[in-house]
Protein backbone atom coordinates (compact mmCIF):
# COMPACT_ATOMS: atom_id res chain seq x y z
CA UNK A 1 57.08 39.99 -7.42
CA UNK A 2 55.35 41.69 -10.29
CA UNK A 3 52.27 40.02 -11.86
CA UNK A 4 52.98 38.82 -15.35
CA UNK A 5 49.37 39.35 -16.62
CA UNK A 6 48.98 38.49 -20.32
CA UNK A 7 48.28 42.21 -21.23
CA UNK A 8 51.74 42.95 -19.98
CA UNK A 9 53.41 40.36 -22.39
CA UNK A 10 55.02 41.31 -25.59
CA UNK A 11 55.80 37.79 -26.90
CA UNK A 12 56.60 34.25 -26.01
CA UNK A 13 59.94 35.29 -24.41
CA UNK A 14 58.76 38.19 -22.47
CA UNK A 15 57.78 36.27 -19.22
CA UNK A 16 60.43 35.19 -16.92
CA UNK A 17 60.22 31.64 -15.91
CA UNK A 18 62.95 31.53 -13.44
CA UNK A 19 60.75 32.74 -10.67
CA UNK A 20 57.20 32.55 -9.48
CA UNK A 21 54.65 34.30 -11.67
CA UNK A 22 51.52 35.85 -10.11
CA UNK A 23 48.29 34.86 -11.89
CA UNK A 24 45.70 36.42 -9.59
CA UNK A 25 45.37 37.58 -5.97
CA UNK A 26 47.45 35.03 -3.80
CA UNK A 27 47.94 32.74 -6.73
CA UNK A 28 51.31 31.88 -8.32
CA UNK A 29 52.60 29.61 -11.06
CA UNK A 30 55.76 27.80 -9.61
CA UNK A 31 56.71 25.69 -12.52
CA UNK A 32 59.47 25.92 -15.24
CA UNK A 33 59.79 26.27 -18.87
CA UNK A 34 61.00 23.04 -20.64
CA UNK A 35 62.65 23.85 -23.74
CA UNK A 36 62.48 20.33 -25.40
CA UNK A 37 59.24 19.00 -24.14
CA UNK A 38 55.72 19.17 -25.44
CA UNK A 39 54.16 18.46 -22.15
CA UNK A 40 54.50 21.61 -19.90
CA UNK A 41 53.17 21.05 -16.41
CA UNK A 42 51.87 23.79 -14.25
CA UNK A 43 51.88 23.58 -10.60
CA UNK A 44 50.05 26.45 -8.63
CA UNK A 45 50.73 27.83 -5.23
CA UNK A 46 47.93 29.59 -3.26
CA UNK A 47 49.15 31.91 -0.40
CA UNK A 48 46.91 33.55 2.34
CA UNK A 49 47.77 34.99 5.76
CA UNK A 50 50.97 33.06 6.05
CA UNK A 51 49.83 29.69 4.88
CA UNK A 52 49.94 27.98 1.41
CA UNK A 53 48.41 25.35 -0.69
CA UNK A 54 50.12 23.45 -3.54
CA UNK A 55 47.92 22.33 -6.49
CA UNK A 56 49.20 19.38 -8.76
CA UNK A 57 52.76 19.78 -7.33
CA UNK A 58 54.55 17.91 -10.23
CA UNK A 59 56.67 14.85 -10.91
CA UNK A 60 59.72 13.69 -8.89
CA UNK A 61 62.03 15.44 -11.46
CA UNK A 62 60.18 18.64 -11.01
CA UNK A 63 60.44 18.76 -7.29
CA UNK A 64 63.77 20.88 -7.12
CA UNK A 65 62.48 23.50 -9.34
CA UNK A 66 59.05 23.80 -7.80
CA UNK A 67 60.49 24.01 -4.26
CA UNK A 68 62.78 26.74 -5.36
CA UNK A 69 59.86 28.58 -6.78
CA UNK A 70 57.96 28.18 -3.52
CA UNK A 71 60.97 29.55 -1.51
CA UNK A 72 61.15 32.38 -4.05
CA UNK A 73 57.57 33.14 -3.29
CA UNK A 74 58.53 33.65 0.49
CA UNK A 75 56.98 30.39 1.66
CA UNK A 76 58.67 28.00 4.08
CA UNK A 77 57.67 24.44 3.38
CA UNK A 78 56.34 24.18 6.91
CA UNK A 79 53.69 26.75 5.90
CA UNK A 80 52.14 24.50 3.38
CA UNK A 81 48.94 23.13 4.90
CA UNK A 82 47.45 21.11 1.94
CA UNK A 83 48.42 19.43 -1.24
CA UNK A 84 45.65 19.04 -3.90
CA UNK A 85 45.89 16.39 -6.50
CA UNK A 86 43.15 16.67 -9.25
CA UNK A 87 43.96 13.17 -10.64
CA UNK A 88 46.58 10.50 -9.95
CA UNK A 89 49.02 10.73 -12.91
CA UNK A 90 52.72 10.78 -12.12
CA UNK A 91 53.48 14.04 -13.83
CA UNK A 92 51.60 15.88 -10.95
CA UNK A 93 51.94 13.38 -8.03
CA UNK A 94 55.41 12.01 -8.42
CA UNK A 95 56.91 14.50 -5.97
CA UNK A 96 54.45 13.84 -3.34
CA UNK A 97 56.75 11.94 -0.95
CA UNK A 98 59.40 14.72 -1.38
CA UNK A 99 56.80 17.32 -0.26
CA UNK A 100 55.50 15.42 2.52
CA UNK A 101 59.06 15.04 3.84
CA UNK A 102 60.12 18.61 3.50
CA UNK A 103 56.75 20.17 4.82
CA UNK A 104 57.31 18.59 8.20
CA UNK A 105 53.72 19.41 9.08
CA UNK A 106 51.73 16.80 10.96
CA UNK A 107 48.47 18.50 10.15
CA UNK A 108 49.28 18.47 6.32
CA UNK A 109 46.23 17.48 4.38
CA UNK A 110 46.30 15.71 0.98
CA UNK A 111 43.11 16.13 -1.04
CA UNK A 112 42.08 13.96 -3.91
CA UNK A 113 38.96 12.24 -5.12
CA UNK A 114 38.14 8.97 -3.47
CA UNK A 115 38.64 6.92 -6.55
CA UNK A 116 42.21 8.42 -6.97
CA UNK A 117 43.27 7.82 -3.29
CA UNK A 118 43.99 4.25 -3.73
CA UNK A 119 46.55 5.04 -6.56
CA UNK A 120 47.96 8.06 -4.60
CA UNK A 121 48.65 5.47 -1.71
CA UNK A 122 51.37 3.94 -3.95
CA UNK A 123 53.38 7.25 -4.01
CA UNK A 124 53.80 7.46 -0.19
CA UNK A 125 54.81 5.50 2.87
CA UNK A 126 52.16 3.51 4.65
CA UNK A 127 52.76 5.79 7.77
CA UNK A 128 51.67 8.76 5.77
CA UNK A 129 48.32 7.26 4.61
CA UNK A 130 46.52 9.25 7.34
CA UNK A 131 47.43 12.44 5.40
CA UNK A 132 45.13 11.36 2.56
CA UNK A 133 41.65 12.98 2.46
CA UNK A 134 38.87 12.60 -0.02
CA UNK A 135 36.96 15.58 -1.52
CA UNK A 136 33.90 13.72 -0.72
CA UNK A 137 34.44 13.59 2.99
CA UNK A 138 35.36 17.34 2.84
CA UNK A 139 32.01 18.22 1.48
CA UNK A 140 33.77 19.11 -1.91
CA UNK A 141 35.23 22.17 -0.40
CA UNK A 142 38.23 23.42 1.67
CA UNK A 143 38.19 26.54 3.97
CA UNK A 144 41.68 28.20 3.57
CA UNK A 145 41.95 31.10 5.91
CA UNK A 146 38.51 32.45 5.06
CA UNK A 147 38.78 31.50 1.46
CA UNK A 148 36.68 28.67 0.28
CA UNK A 149 38.01 26.37 -2.48
CA UNK A 150 35.39 24.26 -4.18
CA UNK A 151 36.04 20.85 -5.64
CA UNK A 152 33.97 19.89 -8.69
CA UNK A 153 34.06 16.32 -9.88
CA UNK A 154 34.68 15.73 -13.61
CA UNK A 155 34.66 11.95 -13.78
CA UNK A 156 36.62 10.39 -16.63
CA UNK A 157 38.04 13.68 -17.73
CA UNK A 158 40.44 12.20 -17.89
CA UNK A 159 40.41 9.70 -15.02
CA UNK A 160 37.65 8.26 -12.90
CA UNK A 161 38.68 10.37 -9.99
CA UNK A 162 39.33 13.62 -11.91
CA UNK A 163 38.02 16.98 -10.47
CA UNK A 164 38.71 20.74 -10.93
CA UNK A 165 39.17 23.33 -8.28
CA UNK A 166 37.35 26.78 -8.14
CA UNK A 167 38.37 29.64 -6.32
CA UNK A 168 35.37 32.18 -6.21
CA UNK A 169 37.58 34.95 -4.68
CA UNK A 170 39.58 35.37 -7.91
CA UNK A 171 37.11 33.41 -10.14
CA UNK A 172 39.99 31.07 -10.97
CA UNK A 173 39.33 27.46 -12.29
CA UNK A 174 42.30 25.05 -11.72
CA UNK A 175 41.18 22.82 -14.57
CA UNK A 176 43.50 19.90 -14.41
CA UNK A 177 43.87 18.35 -17.86
CA UNK A 178 40.85 20.22 -19.21
CA UNK A 179 41.86 23.06 -21.55
CA UNK A 180 45.33 21.66 -21.72
CA UNK A 181 47.60 21.26 -24.63
CA UNK A 182 50.68 19.47 -26.05
CA UNK A 183 52.90 21.83 -27.87
CA UNK A 184 56.51 22.93 -28.49
CA UNK A 185 55.22 26.52 -29.16
CA UNK A 186 54.53 27.12 -25.43
CA UNK A 187 54.03 30.21 -23.42
CA UNK A 188 52.42 30.61 -19.98
CA UNK A 189 49.67 32.91 -21.09
CA UNK A 190 47.62 32.68 -24.29
CA UNK A 191 45.04 34.90 -25.71
CA UNK A 192 43.06 34.78 -28.97
CA UNK A 193 43.00 37.54 -31.56
CA UNK A 194 39.56 38.88 -32.79
CA UNK A 195 40.18 37.07 -36.10
CA UNK A 196 40.40 33.65 -34.27
CA UNK A 197 36.77 33.65 -33.23
CA UNK A 198 35.51 33.24 -36.77
CA UNK A 199 38.45 31.46 -38.21
CA UNK A 200 38.01 27.73 -39.49
CA UNK A 201 41.29 27.41 -41.30
CA UNK A 202 43.89 26.54 -38.61
CA UNK A 203 46.57 26.02 -41.31
CA UNK A 204 46.41 29.52 -42.68
CA UNK A 205 46.16 32.25 -40.03
CA UNK A 206 44.25 35.35 -41.23
CA UNK A 207 46.76 37.46 -39.37
CA UNK A 208 49.67 35.77 -40.92
CA UNK A 209 50.85 34.05 -37.71
CA UNK A 210 53.11 31.03 -38.14
CA UNK A 211 51.51 29.07 -35.34
CA UNK A 212 47.82 28.57 -34.27
CA UNK A 213 47.48 26.99 -30.81
CA UNK A 214 43.89 25.70 -31.27
CA UNK A 215 44.68 22.41 -33.10
CA UNK A 216 47.14 21.46 -30.36
CA UNK A 217 44.47 22.11 -27.68
CA UNK A 218 41.81 20.26 -29.72
CA UNK A 219 44.20 17.23 -30.41
CA UNK A 220 45.19 17.01 -26.77
CA UNK A 221 41.64 16.48 -25.74
CA UNK A 222 40.97 13.95 -28.52
CA UNK A 223 44.00 11.92 -27.19
CA UNK A 224 43.61 12.30 -23.42
CA UNK A 225 39.85 12.42 -22.79
CA UNK A 226 38.25 8.87 -23.00
CA UNK A 227 35.14 10.08 -24.92
CA UNK A 228 33.19 13.15 -26.01
CA UNK A 229 30.42 12.23 -23.63
CA UNK A 230 32.70 12.46 -20.64
CA UNK A 231 34.26 15.78 -21.92
CA UNK A 232 30.89 17.34 -22.42
CA UNK A 233 29.71 16.19 -19.05
CA UNK A 234 32.82 18.10 -17.48
CA UNK A 235 32.24 21.15 -19.55
CA UNK A 236 28.52 21.32 -18.50
CA UNK A 237 29.64 21.44 -15.00
CA UNK A 238 32.22 24.15 -15.73
CA UNK A 239 29.78 26.29 -17.61
CA UNK A 240 27.80 27.10 -14.54
CA UNK A 241 30.67 28.86 -12.99
CA UNK A 242 31.69 32.51 -13.37
CA UNK A 243 35.30 32.20 -14.48
CA UNK A 244 37.89 34.96 -15.15
CA UNK A 245 40.95 32.67 -15.21
CA UNK A 246 41.43 29.15 -16.49
CA UNK A 247 44.81 27.59 -15.08
CA UNK A 248 45.22 24.15 -16.60
CA UNK A 249 47.93 21.55 -15.42
CA UNK A 250 49.17 21.37 -18.98
CA UNK A 251 49.49 24.08 -21.66
CA UNK A 252 48.75 27.70 -21.17
CA UNK A 253 46.58 29.98 -18.91
CA UNK A 254 43.61 31.71 -20.37
CA UNK A 255 41.67 34.74 -19.06
CA UNK A 256 38.77 36.81 -20.12
CA UNK A 257 35.14 35.61 -20.51
CA UNK A 258 35.20 35.65 -24.46
CA UNK A 259 38.33 33.52 -24.75
CA UNK A 260 36.98 31.05 -22.22
CA UNK A 261 33.55 30.79 -23.75
CA UNK A 262 35.18 30.32 -27.18
CA UNK A 263 37.27 27.41 -25.92
CA UNK A 264 34.35 25.75 -24.24
CA UNK A 265 32.36 26.06 -27.33
CA UNK A 266 35.13 24.52 -29.49
CA UNK A 267 35.60 21.66 -26.91
CA UNK A 268 31.88 21.01 -26.60
CA UNK A 269 31.54 20.51 -30.40
CA UNK A 270 34.72 18.29 -30.62
CA UNK A 271 34.22 14.89 -32.14
CA UNK A 272 36.37 11.87 -32.52
CA UNK A 273 37.38 12.01 -28.88
CA UNK A 274 39.06 9.04 -27.33
CA UNK A 275 37.26 5.76 -27.79
CA UNK A 276 35.02 7.62 -30.36
CA UNK A 277 38.00 7.69 -32.79
CA UNK A 278 37.85 3.86 -32.94
CA UNK A 279 34.16 3.07 -33.03
C-alpha cells in the first residue's frame, strides 16, 4: 500500500477510498467515503509486529466496510489485541459486538474512560463485560509492542468520558470529535493555503475557491461541544503535545505544525459554543 500523504494529492478525488490509506508509520485509515452524508467517520488501525489496535471502530452499518479494510491491510481479526473508544456515541461504538465476535481473542482489551464504560456495556453481552478496561486503571497509557499510546482525558469535549489518544512515535493525535467537521465537501486530507492564515471573510476566498472548510469546522464545534470552557480545557491539554498529525473521528486529517496551531487558535477563540449560544 502506498501512503496517500496530503502532499501527493491533486484534488478531492485523487485519494482512493476503496482500500486502507496510510497516515503515518503503522497507522491506517480504514473507513469509507459516504457520498450523501455530512458526517464522515474515520476509524484508524494501528499495526505493529503482527498485532493491531482499532480506534473508534464505527457504527454497526460501518462494520462490513471497516472489516474489509482491515483484511486489506493484511490483518486477521484474531491479531487485533485492543479496541479503543474515545467516547460512547453509537457512530463509533455500534459495531463493538461484531468486532468482539469476529476477533475471537480471549485476551482482547476494550479501552474507554470510566465514565463511558457504563454506556459501552449496553453495546455488548454481559459475558463480555470483562473485556472492558478503563484508561484510569491502565495509568492512561497502553504499551503496544514497545509503542506506548497515551490516553489524555478531555472531559465534556464532547462527553463526560471523552479522551484523545497520542502516539509519540509518529506524533499523531487521534482527536475524537475535536477538530472534526460536518460537511458534504469532504476529503480525507485537508491543508490550508498561505492566504487562509490571514483571511477573515469565509464567504469570499482570496484564492477564488468555491468552498472554505473552516466555517464547517467551527460550526461543528459550536454544535457538538457543550461549552467554550470545556473546549478550551481540552485544547489546553492538547497544546502541550508535539503534534505532526491530527486524526479526528469526523472530518479531515490535518498535518503540519502551522496548520495545527492555526486550528487550535481558531477553536480557542470560538464563542457561542454549546450552552453559551442560549445564555
